[in-house]
């Protein structure tokens, strides 16, 4: 059975073990979420090392065998367990239209309190079941280039998984409000001594006001005080400014991760 080194992958499995079928093999792990086939990060393969020259066809065949193919599954996604961030031989994947996703895994055991937000905000725990629709609408609004109907369906399915975890006592969801309007939200879920942030967003018109940093701090303190964890973990796109916000709060990059995505 594959032994996992990466903190990022170990905490990914916190979520997969609630909803997905997680199958372990000698040199890879197959994650399949039958209830949410459009969830790319719920239907993928994790390998024990970066791709080698011959792996392009091998990995795709393994994906079709263990995850699926159209019309059930309309993507390929491969990650690998290498905290040092080694890329391996990715040229054949890139030539075939795959995109390389690069993230930095940041951790903290003690957060730095941010400056007060530039507008009045209320930070609180959400009643996820009752306030779910507002969360979904905000995440659909900031979906980027994803198709709206498919992304809404994905988030409705995703939210059911988060609700199961919350009801099982494995985490909570939090929000920031301006005049009773939900303008930022995120989850925090845990296992053993680590808690991981999930789906951190702020509505575009409320960005750069210090809302996200204050909510991140509030959520992290809640986790450290109530979940019995020793440290917090957050994953950020290596090419996106969010990692700098996290660094100012006391997070430091402990490892890099890469994945190849086609959809």
Protein backbone atom coordinates (compact mmCIF):
# COMPACT_ATOMS: atom_id res chain seq x y z
CA UNK A 1 0.00 0.00 0.00
CA UNK A 2 1.22 3.48 -0.90
CA UNK A 3 2.61 5.44 2.06
CA UNK A 4 1.67 9.12 1.90
CA UNK A 5 4.29 11.79 2.63
CA UNK A 6 2.46 15.00 1.72
CA UNK A 7 0.43 16.89 4.34
CA UNK A 8 -1.72 18.25 1.53
CA UNK A 9 -2.70 14.79 0.35
CA UNK A 10 -3.14 13.47 3.90
CA UNK A 11 -5.64 16.26 4.61
CA UNK A 12 -7.35 15.77 1.23
CA UNK A 13 -8.24 12.30 2.50
CA UNK A 14 -10.08 13.82 5.48
CA UNK A 15 -12.76 14.81 2.97
CA UNK A 16 -12.54 11.85 0.60
CA UNK A 17 -12.99 9.32 3.38
CA UNK A 18 -16.41 10.81 4.19
CA UNK A 19 -17.95 10.69 0.73
CA UNK A 20 -15.68 9.03 -1.82
CA UNK A 21 -14.53 5.49 -2.49
CA UNK A 22 -10.81 5.52 -1.72
CA UNK A 23 -8.96 2.51 -3.15
CA UNK A 24 -5.31 1.92 -2.25
CA UNK A 25 -2.86 0.21 -4.60
CA UNK A 26 0.90 -0.34 -4.51
CA UNK A 27 1.87 2.90 -6.23
CA UNK A 28 -1.35 4.94 -6.46
CA UNK A 29 -4.64 5.79 -4.79
CA UNK A 30 -7.93 6.03 -6.69
CA UNK A 31 -10.50 8.52 -5.38
CA UNK A 32 -14.02 8.18 -6.83
CA UNK A 33 -17.08 10.16 -5.70
CA UNK A 34 -20.10 8.54 -7.33
CA UNK A 35 -22.47 11.16 -5.89
CA UNK A 36 -20.55 14.02 -7.53
CA UNK A 37 -18.96 12.93 -10.84
CA UNK A 38 -18.34 16.54 -11.95
CA UNK A 39 -16.11 17.12 -8.90
CA UNK A 40 -12.66 16.80 -10.43
CA UNK A 41 -10.89 16.79 -7.06
CA UNK A 42 -13.24 14.05 -5.93
CA UNK A 43 -12.53 11.82 -8.92
CA UNK A 44 -8.82 11.44 -9.58
CA UNK A 45 -5.66 9.39 -9.12
CA UNK A 46 -2.81 10.10 -6.71
CA UNK A 47 0.54 8.52 -7.59
CA UNK A 48 3.51 7.89 -5.32
CA UNK A 49 5.95 9.78 -7.57
CA UNK A 50 6.02 12.34 -10.42
CA UNK A 51 5.25 11.14 -13.94
CA UNK A 52 7.90 9.35 -15.95
CA UNK A 53 8.22 9.40 -19.73
CA UNK A 54 6.10 6.27 -20.25
CA UNK A 55 3.34 7.26 -17.81
CA UNK A 56 1.13 9.33 -20.12
CA UNK A 57 -0.75 6.35 -21.61
CA UNK A 58 -0.43 4.22 -18.46
CA UNK A 59 -2.01 6.85 -16.20
CA UNK A 60 -4.89 7.51 -18.60
CA UNK A 61 -5.68 3.80 -18.85
CA UNK A 62 -5.65 3.50 -15.05
CA UNK A 63 -7.95 6.51 -14.78
CA UNK A 64 -10.49 5.01 -17.18
CA UNK A 65 -10.35 1.68 -15.33
CA UNK A 66 -10.70 3.04 -11.79
CA UNK A 67 -12.51 6.40 -12.20
CA UNK A 68 -14.43 6.26 -15.48
CA UNK A 69 -14.82 7.94 -18.85
CA UNK A 70 -17.49 9.91 -20.79
CA UNK A 71 -20.37 10.30 -20.40
CA UNK A 72 -19.98 9.54 -16.68
CA UNK A 73 -16.67 11.38 -16.21
CA UNK A 74 -15.52 14.26 -18.43
CA UNK A 75 -12.03 14.91 -17.14
CA UNK A 76 -8.67 13.42 -16.31
CA UNK A 77 -6.86 14.50 -13.14
CA UNK A 78 -3.59 13.19 -11.77
CA UNK A 79 -1.73 14.26 -8.62
CA UNK A 80 1.45 12.87 -7.13
CA UNK A 81 2.91 12.61 -3.67
CA UNK A 82 6.09 14.66 -3.75
CA UNK A 83 6.32 17.42 -1.09
CA UNK A 84 9.51 18.77 -2.72
CA UNK A 85 7.46 19.80 -5.74
CA UNK A 86 9.29 17.79 -8.40
CA UNK A 87 7.49 17.92 -11.76
CA UNK A 88 8.77 14.80 -13.45
CA UNK A 89 8.19 14.25 -17.20
CA UNK A 90 5.06 16.27 -18.01
CA UNK A 91 5.68 17.24 -21.66
CA UNK A 92 3.40 14.58 -23.17
CA UNK A 93 0.57 15.66 -20.88
CA UNK A 94 0.99 19.35 -21.73
CA UNK A 95 1.09 18.59 -25.47
CA UNK A 96 -2.20 16.70 -25.07
CA UNK A 97 -3.90 19.74 -23.54
CA UNK A 98 -3.43 19.09 -19.84
CA UNK A 99 -2.90 22.07 -17.52
CA UNK A 100 -0.37 21.99 -14.72
CA UNK A 101 -1.80 23.08 -11.35
CA UNK A 102 0.75 24.14 -8.76
CA UNK A 103 -0.10 24.78 -5.12
CA UNK A 104 1.75 25.62 -1.95
CA UNK A 105 0.73 23.96 1.30
CA UNK A 106 1.03 26.41 4.19
CA UNK A 107 0.79 25.66 7.90
CA UNK A 108 0.65 27.57 11.17
CA UNK A 109 0.40 26.72 14.86
CA UNK A 110 -0.04 30.33 15.98
CA UNK A 111 -1.79 32.99 13.92
CA UNK A 112 -0.89 36.68 13.74
CA UNK A 113 -3.89 38.93 14.36
CA UNK A 114 -4.59 41.12 11.30
CA UNK A 115 -5.48 44.79 11.19
CA UNK A 116 -9.13 45.55 11.75
CA UNK A 117 -11.25 45.43 8.58
CA UNK A 118 -11.91 48.71 6.77
CA UNK A 119 -15.70 48.30 7.13
CA UNK A 120 -17.91 46.94 9.87
CA UNK A 121 -18.24 43.16 9.65
CA UNK A 122 -19.82 40.42 11.72
CA UNK A 123 -17.88 37.16 11.92
CA UNK A 124 -19.70 34.05 13.04
CA UNK A 125 -20.30 30.35 12.79
CA UNK A 126 -22.92 29.52 10.16
CA UNK A 127 -25.91 27.27 10.56
CA UNK A 128 -24.75 25.48 7.43
CA UNK A 129 -28.02 23.67 6.79
CA UNK A 130 -30.17 26.80 7.10
CA UNK A 131 -27.73 29.20 5.44
CA UNK A 132 -26.53 26.83 2.75
CA UNK A 133 -28.23 28.57 -0.16
CA UNK A 134 -26.40 31.84 0.45
CA UNK A 135 -23.10 29.94 0.52
CA UNK A 136 -23.89 28.17 -2.76
CA UNK A 137 -24.94 31.41 -4.49
CA UNK A 138 -21.72 33.16 -3.50
CA UNK A 139 -19.52 30.29 -4.68
CA UNK A 140 -21.38 30.13 -7.99
CA UNK A 141 -20.92 33.88 -8.37
CA UNK A 142 -17.12 33.64 -8.04
CA UNK A 143 -16.79 30.43 -10.12
CA UNK A 144 -14.42 31.92 -12.72
CA UNK A 145 -14.68 30.31 -16.17
CA UNK A 146 -16.74 27.31 -15.00
CA UNK A 147 -20.12 26.77 -16.68
CA UNK A 148 -22.82 28.02 -14.30
CA UNK A 149 -25.36 25.16 -14.36
CA UNK A 150 -22.71 22.45 -13.98
CA UNK A 151 -20.91 24.38 -11.26
CA UNK A 152 -24.13 24.95 -9.31
CA UNK A 153 -24.85 21.23 -9.43
CA UNK A 154 -21.29 20.48 -8.31
CA UNK A 155 -21.60 22.85 -5.35
CA UNK A 156 -24.99 21.51 -4.33
CA UNK A 157 -23.47 18.02 -4.21
CA UNK A 158 -20.32 19.28 -2.52
CA UNK A 159 -22.35 21.04 0.15
CA UNK A 160 -24.09 17.77 1.04
CA UNK A 161 -20.68 16.25 1.78
CA UNK A 162 -19.67 19.20 3.94
CA UNK A 163 -22.97 18.98 5.81
CA UNK A 164 -22.35 15.30 6.59
CA UNK A 165 -18.96 16.19 7.99
CA UNK A 166 -20.36 19.03 10.09
CA UNK A 167 -23.11 16.80 11.47
CA UNK A 168 -20.47 14.17 12.28
CA UNK A 169 -18.52 16.73 14.31
CA UNK A 170 -15.57 16.91 11.90
CA UNK A 171 -15.70 20.66 11.25
CA UNK A 172 -17.72 23.83 10.81
CA UNK A 173 -18.52 26.54 8.27
CA UNK A 174 -18.04 30.25 8.93
CA UNK A 175 -19.04 33.55 7.36
CA UNK A 176 -18.41 37.29 7.33
CA UNK A 177 -21.43 39.56 7.05
CA UNK A 178 -21.85 43.20 6.04
CA UNK A 179 -25.32 44.57 6.86
CA UNK A 180 -26.62 40.99 7.17
CA UNK A 181 -25.25 40.05 3.73
CA UNK A 182 -22.88 37.06 3.54
CA UNK A 183 -19.79 38.45 1.79
CA UNK A 184 -17.12 35.86 2.63
CA UNK A 185 -17.18 32.27 3.83
CA UNK A 186 -15.01 29.22 4.37
CA UNK A 187 -14.95 25.88 6.11
CA UNK A 188 -12.53 24.34 8.60
CA UNK A 189 -12.37 20.56 9.04
CA UNK A 190 -10.07 18.42 11.11
CA UNK A 191 -8.67 15.03 11.97
CA UNK A 192 -6.22 14.23 14.75
CA UNK A 193 -3.99 17.27 15.31
CA UNK A 194 -4.51 19.19 12.04
CA UNK A 195 -7.37 21.33 10.71
CA UNK A 196 -7.67 22.34 7.06
CA UNK A 197 -9.41 25.34 5.55
CA UNK A 198 -11.82 24.77 2.67
CA UNK A 199 -13.30 26.89 -0.13
CA UNK A 200 -12.10 30.32 1.01
CA UNK A 201 -13.91 33.06 -0.93
CA UNK A 202 -14.80 36.76 -0.69
CA UNK A 203 -17.25 38.47 -3.05
CA UNK A 204 -15.34 40.67 -5.53
CA UNK A 205 -16.85 43.97 -4.37
CA UNK A 206 -15.76 43.25 -0.79
CA UNK A 207 -12.16 42.29 -1.50
CA UNK A 208 -9.15 44.32 -0.34
CA UNK A 209 -11.00 45.50 2.75
CA UNK A 210 -9.38 43.13 5.25
CA UNK A 211 -12.47 40.90 5.47
CA UNK A 212 -10.82 37.67 4.36
CA UNK A 213 -7.83 38.03 6.68
CA UNK A 214 -10.07 38.75 9.67
CA UNK A 215 -12.32 35.78 8.88
CA UNK A 216 -9.30 33.49 8.37
CA UNK A 217 -7.96 34.53 11.77
CA UNK A 218 -11.35 34.09 13.46
CA UNK A 219 -11.81 30.64 11.93
CA UNK A 220 -8.27 29.55 12.79
CA UNK A 221 -8.59 30.65 16.41
CA UNK A 222 -11.90 28.80 16.64
CA UNK A 223 -10.25 25.64 15.39
CA UNK A 224 -7.26 25.87 17.71
CA UNK A 225 -9.51 26.50 20.71
CA UNK A 226 -12.36 24.10 19.95
CA UNK A 227 -11.10 21.27 17.72
CA UNK A 228 -8.15 20.21 19.85
CA UNK A 229 -5.71 20.58 16.93
CA UNK A 230 -2.09 21.70 17.09
CA UNK A 231 -1.81 23.35 13.71
CA UNK A 232 -3.79 24.75 10.79
CA UNK A 233 -3.26 23.99 7.11
CA UNK A 234 -4.29 25.89 4.01
CA UNK A 235 -3.56 25.21 0.34
CA UNK A 236 -3.04 28.13 -2.05
CA UNK A 237 -2.43 28.46 -5.77
CA UNK A 238 1.28 29.13 -6.13
CA UNK A 239 0.58 31.85 -8.70
CA UNK A 240 -2.23 33.62 -6.81
CA UNK A 241 -1.93 36.47 -4.30
CA UNK A 242 -3.90 34.64 -1.58
CA UNK A 243 -0.74 32.88 -0.42
CA UNK A 244 0.68 36.28 0.56
CA UNK A 245 -2.39 37.04 2.70
CA UNK A 246 -1.92 33.72 4.46
CA UNK A 247 1.76 34.42 5.04
CA UNK A 248 0.95 37.70 6.81
CA UNK A 249 -1.31 35.74 9.15
CA UNK A 250 1.54 33.48 10.20
CA UNK A 251 1.30 30.67 7.66
CA UNK A 252 4.50 29.40 6.09
CA UNK A 253 4.94 27.20 3.05
CA UNK A 254 5.91 23.71 4.09
CA UNK A 255 5.57 21.85 0.80
CA UNK A 256 4.64 22.17 -2.86
CA UNK A 257 2.15 20.09 -4.81
CA UNK A 258 1.45 19.63 -8.51
CA UNK A 259 -1.33 18.05 -10.53
CA UNK A 260 -2.21 17.59 -14.20
CA UNK A 261 -5.78 18.42 -15.20
CA UNK A 262 -7.67 17.94 -18.47
CA UNK A 263 -11.33 18.87 -18.88
